[in-house]
């Protein structure tokens, strides 16, 4: 009985997760969107990523307080500038990992 309940629960969670993704894909796949909407939709991933990363970069401690000299922020700024200038994903990852390691060695 419990196994059947878990199976129904997993199927329900999968359905609830899948439907909101499938419905817009099917509804919009054969239509052309206005240019302004496509441009707006292109900005969503960058906005979400920024909203997730920025608080961790500019705050530290518990409770979290503004920390402009945070080690993560000191590493993120040159890596961001490198990525912006070169647009190289591999180079950005290598530079970021190297600088983060160096910051850990120097700043503790």
C-alpha atoms as a PDB file:
ATOM      1  CA  UNK A   1       0.000   0.000   0.000  1.00  0.00           C
ATOM      2  CA  UNK A   2       2.746   2.457   0.932  1.00  0.00           C
ATOM      3  CA  UNK A   3       4.734   1.611  -2.205  1.00  0.00           C
ATOM      4  CA  UNK A   4       1.690   2.350  -4.349  1.00  0.00           C
ATOM      5  CA  UNK A   5       1.219   5.690  -2.570  1.00  0.00           C
ATOM      6  CA  UNK A   6       4.848   6.639  -3.220  1.00  0.00           C
ATOM      7  CA  UNK A   7       4.524   5.635  -6.845  1.00  0.00           C
ATOM      8  CA  UNK A   8       1.424   7.807  -7.249  1.00  0.00           C
ATOM      9  CA  UNK A   9       3.174  10.639  -5.441  1.00  0.00           C
ATOM     10  CA  UNK A  10       6.199  10.415  -7.777  1.00  0.00           C
ATOM     11  CA  UNK A  11       3.993  10.294 -10.853  1.00  0.00           C
ATOM     12  CA  UNK A  12       2.006  13.297  -9.626  1.00  0.00           C
ATOM     13  CA  UNK A  13       5.161  15.298  -8.918  1.00  0.00           C
ATOM     14  CA  UNK A  14       6.511  14.429 -12.337  1.00  0.00           C
ATOM     15  CA  UNK A  15       3.288  15.489 -13.993  1.00  0.00           C
ATOM     16  CA  UNK A  16       3.163  18.765 -12.074  1.00  0.00           C
ATOM     17  CA  UNK A  17       6.775  19.467 -13.033  1.00  0.00           C
ATOM     18  CA  UNK A  18       6.439  18.439 -16.667  1.00  0.00           C
ATOM     19  CA  UNK A  19       3.164  20.129 -17.625  1.00  0.00           C
ATOM     20  CA  UNK A  20       4.203  23.753 -16.945  1.00  0.00           C
ATOM     21  CA  UNK A  21       7.236  23.222 -19.186  1.00  0.00           C
ATOM     22  CA  UNK A  22       5.487  21.293 -21.921  1.00  0.00           C
ATOM     23  CA  UNK A  23       2.415  23.522 -22.322  1.00  0.00           C
ATOM     24  CA  UNK A  24       4.200  26.773 -23.326  1.00  0.00           C
ATOM     25  CA  UNK A  25       6.594  24.834 -25.552  1.00  0.00           C
ATOM     26  CA  UNK A  26       3.745  23.291 -27.501  1.00  0.00           C
ATOM     27  CA  UNK A  27       1.666  26.486 -27.544  1.00  0.00           C
ATOM     28  CA  UNK A  28       4.487  28.747 -28.745  1.00  0.00           C
ATOM     29  CA  UNK A  29       6.560  26.416 -30.921  1.00  0.00           C
ATOM     30  CA  UNK A  30       4.701  27.164 -34.165  1.00  0.00           C
ATOM     31  CA  UNK A  31       4.117  30.855 -33.589  1.00  0.00           C
ATOM     32  CA  UNK A  32       6.469  33.722 -34.184  1.00  0.00           C
ATOM     33  CA  UNK A  33       6.867  35.992 -31.225  1.00  0.00           C
ATOM     34  CA  UNK A  34       7.209  39.759 -31.471  1.00  0.00           C
ATOM     35  CA  UNK A  35      10.817  40.895 -31.602  1.00  0.00           C
ATOM     36  CA  UNK A  36      10.517  42.856 -28.343  1.00  0.00           C
ATOM     37  CA  UNK A  37       9.263  39.718 -26.550  1.00  0.00           C
ATOM     38  CA  UNK A  38      12.130  37.596 -27.885  1.00  0.00           C
ATOM     39  CA  UNK A  39      14.634  40.225 -26.744  1.00  0.00           C
ATOM     40  CA  UNK A  40      12.951  40.390 -23.333  1.00  0.00           C
ATOM     41  CA  UNK A  41      12.941  36.597 -22.984  1.00  0.00           C
ATOM     42  CA  UNK A  42      16.660  36.494 -23.861  1.00  0.00           C
ATOM     43  CA  UNK A  43      17.400  38.605 -20.770  1.00  0.00           C
ATOM     44  CA  UNK A  44      15.701  36.242 -18.312  1.00  0.00           C
ATOM     45  CA  UNK A  45      18.597  33.755 -17.858  1.00  0.00           C
ATOM     46  CA  UNK A  46      21.097  36.541 -17.165  1.00  0.00           C
ATOM     47  CA  UNK A  47      18.691  38.193 -14.730  1.00  0.00           C
ATOM     48  CA  UNK A  48      18.047  34.947 -12.858  1.00  0.00           C
ATOM     49  CA  UNK A  49      21.747  34.090 -12.711  1.00  0.00           C
ATOM     50  CA  UNK A  50      22.575  37.573 -11.440  1.00  0.00           C
ATOM     51  CA  UNK A  51      19.858  37.367  -8.801  1.00  0.00           C
ATOM     52  CA  UNK A  52      21.257  34.057  -7.598  1.00  0.00           C
ATOM     53  CA  UNK A  53      24.960  34.982  -7.601  1.00  0.00           C
ATOM     54  CA  UNK A  54      25.114  38.660  -6.635  1.00  0.00           C
ATOM     55  CA  UNK A  55      23.906  38.288  -3.010  1.00  0.00           C
ATOM     56  CA  UNK A  56      26.574  35.650  -2.375  1.00  0.00           C
ATOM     57  CA  UNK A  57      29.267  37.892  -3.874  1.00  0.00           C
ATOM     58  CA  UNK A  58      28.556  41.123  -1.999  1.00  0.00           C
ATOM     59  CA  UNK A  59      27.479  39.773   1.389  1.00  0.00           C
ATOM     60  CA  UNK A  60      29.174  37.592   3.990  1.00  0.00           C
ATOM     61  CA  UNK A  61      28.729  36.325   7.517  1.00  0.00           C
ATOM     62  CA  UNK A  62      25.707  35.285   9.478  1.00  0.00           C
ATOM     63  CA  UNK A  63      23.474  37.254   9.463  1.00  0.00           C
ATOM     64  CA  UNK A  64      24.555  38.342   6.025  1.00  0.00           C
ATOM     65  CA  UNK A  65      26.018  41.835   5.845  1.00  0.00           C
ATOM     66  CA  UNK A  66      27.355  43.909   2.999  1.00  0.00           C
ATOM     67  CA  UNK A  67      31.022  43.019   2.492  1.00  0.00           C
ATOM     68  CA  UNK A  68      32.735  44.814  -0.406  1.00  0.00           C
ATOM     69  CA  UNK A  69      36.072  43.072   0.303  1.00  0.00           C
ATOM     70  CA  UNK A  70      34.622  39.606   0.117  1.00  0.00           C
ATOM     71  CA  UNK A  71      37.107  37.098  -1.367  1.00  0.00           C
ATOM     72  CA  UNK A  72      34.483  35.828  -3.780  1.00  0.00           C
ATOM     73  CA  UNK A  73      33.806  39.335  -5.071  1.00  0.00           C
ATOM     74  CA  UNK A  74      37.524  40.083  -5.458  1.00  0.00           C
ATOM     75  CA  UNK A  75      37.823  37.011  -7.677  1.00  0.00           C
ATOM     76  CA  UNK A  76      34.561  37.563  -9.543  1.00  0.00           C
ATOM     77  CA  UNK A  77      35.365  41.054 -10.815  1.00  0.00           C
ATOM     78  CA  UNK A  78      38.488  40.213 -12.873  1.00  0.00           C
ATOM     79  CA  UNK A  79      36.923  36.952 -14.063  1.00  0.00           C
ATOM     80  CA  UNK A  80      33.811  38.839 -15.193  1.00  0.00           C
ATOM     81  CA  UNK A  81      35.940  41.380 -17.045  1.00  0.00           C
ATOM     82  CA  UNK A  82      37.936  38.562 -18.673  1.00  0.00           C
ATOM     83  CA  UNK A  83      34.739  36.822 -19.759  1.00  0.00           C
ATOM     84  CA  UNK A  84      33.280  40.048 -21.088  1.00  0.00           C
ATOM     85  CA  UNK A  85      36.391  40.791 -23.123  1.00  0.00           C
ATOM     86  CA  UNK A  86      37.253  37.323 -24.439  1.00  0.00           C
ATOM     87  CA  UNK A  87      33.851  35.530 -24.410  1.00  0.00           C
ATOM     88  CA  UNK A  88      35.794  32.339 -23.773  1.00  0.00           C
ATOM     89  CA  UNK A  89      33.988  29.905 -21.494  1.00  0.00           C
ATOM     90  CA  UNK A  90      36.994  27.640 -21.031  1.00  0.00           C
ATOM     91  CA  UNK A  91      39.379  30.503 -20.334  1.00  0.00           C
ATOM     92  CA  UNK A  92      36.920  32.053 -17.905  1.00  0.00           C
ATOM     93  CA  UNK A  93      36.523  28.817 -15.968  1.00  0.00           C
ATOM     94  CA  UNK A  94      40.276  28.243 -15.790  1.00  0.00           C
ATOM     95  CA  UNK A  95      40.959  31.845 -14.760  1.00  0.00           C
ATOM     96  CA  UNK A  96      38.195  31.744 -12.168  1.00  0.00           C
ATOM     97  CA  UNK A  97      39.426  28.508 -10.636  1.00  0.00           C
ATOM     98  CA  UNK A  98      43.033  29.761 -10.609  1.00  0.00           C
ATOM     99  CA  UNK A  99      42.176  33.102  -9.032  1.00  0.00           C
ATOM    100  CA  UNK A 100      39.899  31.471  -6.481  1.00  0.00           C
ATOM    101  CA  UNK A 101      42.679  29.082  -5.507  1.00  0.00           C
ATOM    102  CA  UNK A 102      45.164  31.967  -5.281  1.00  0.00           C
ATOM    103  CA  UNK A 103      42.756  34.018  -3.195  1.00  0.00           C
ATOM    104  CA  UNK A 104      42.357  31.088  -0.843  1.00  0.00           C
ATOM    105  CA  UNK A 105      46.138  30.790  -0.494  1.00  0.00           C
ATOM    106  CA  UNK A 106      46.790  34.509  -0.044  1.00  0.00           C
ATOM    107  CA  UNK A 107      43.689  35.720   1.798  1.00  0.00           C
ATOM    108  CA  UNK A 108      43.007  32.558   3.719  1.00  0.00           C
END
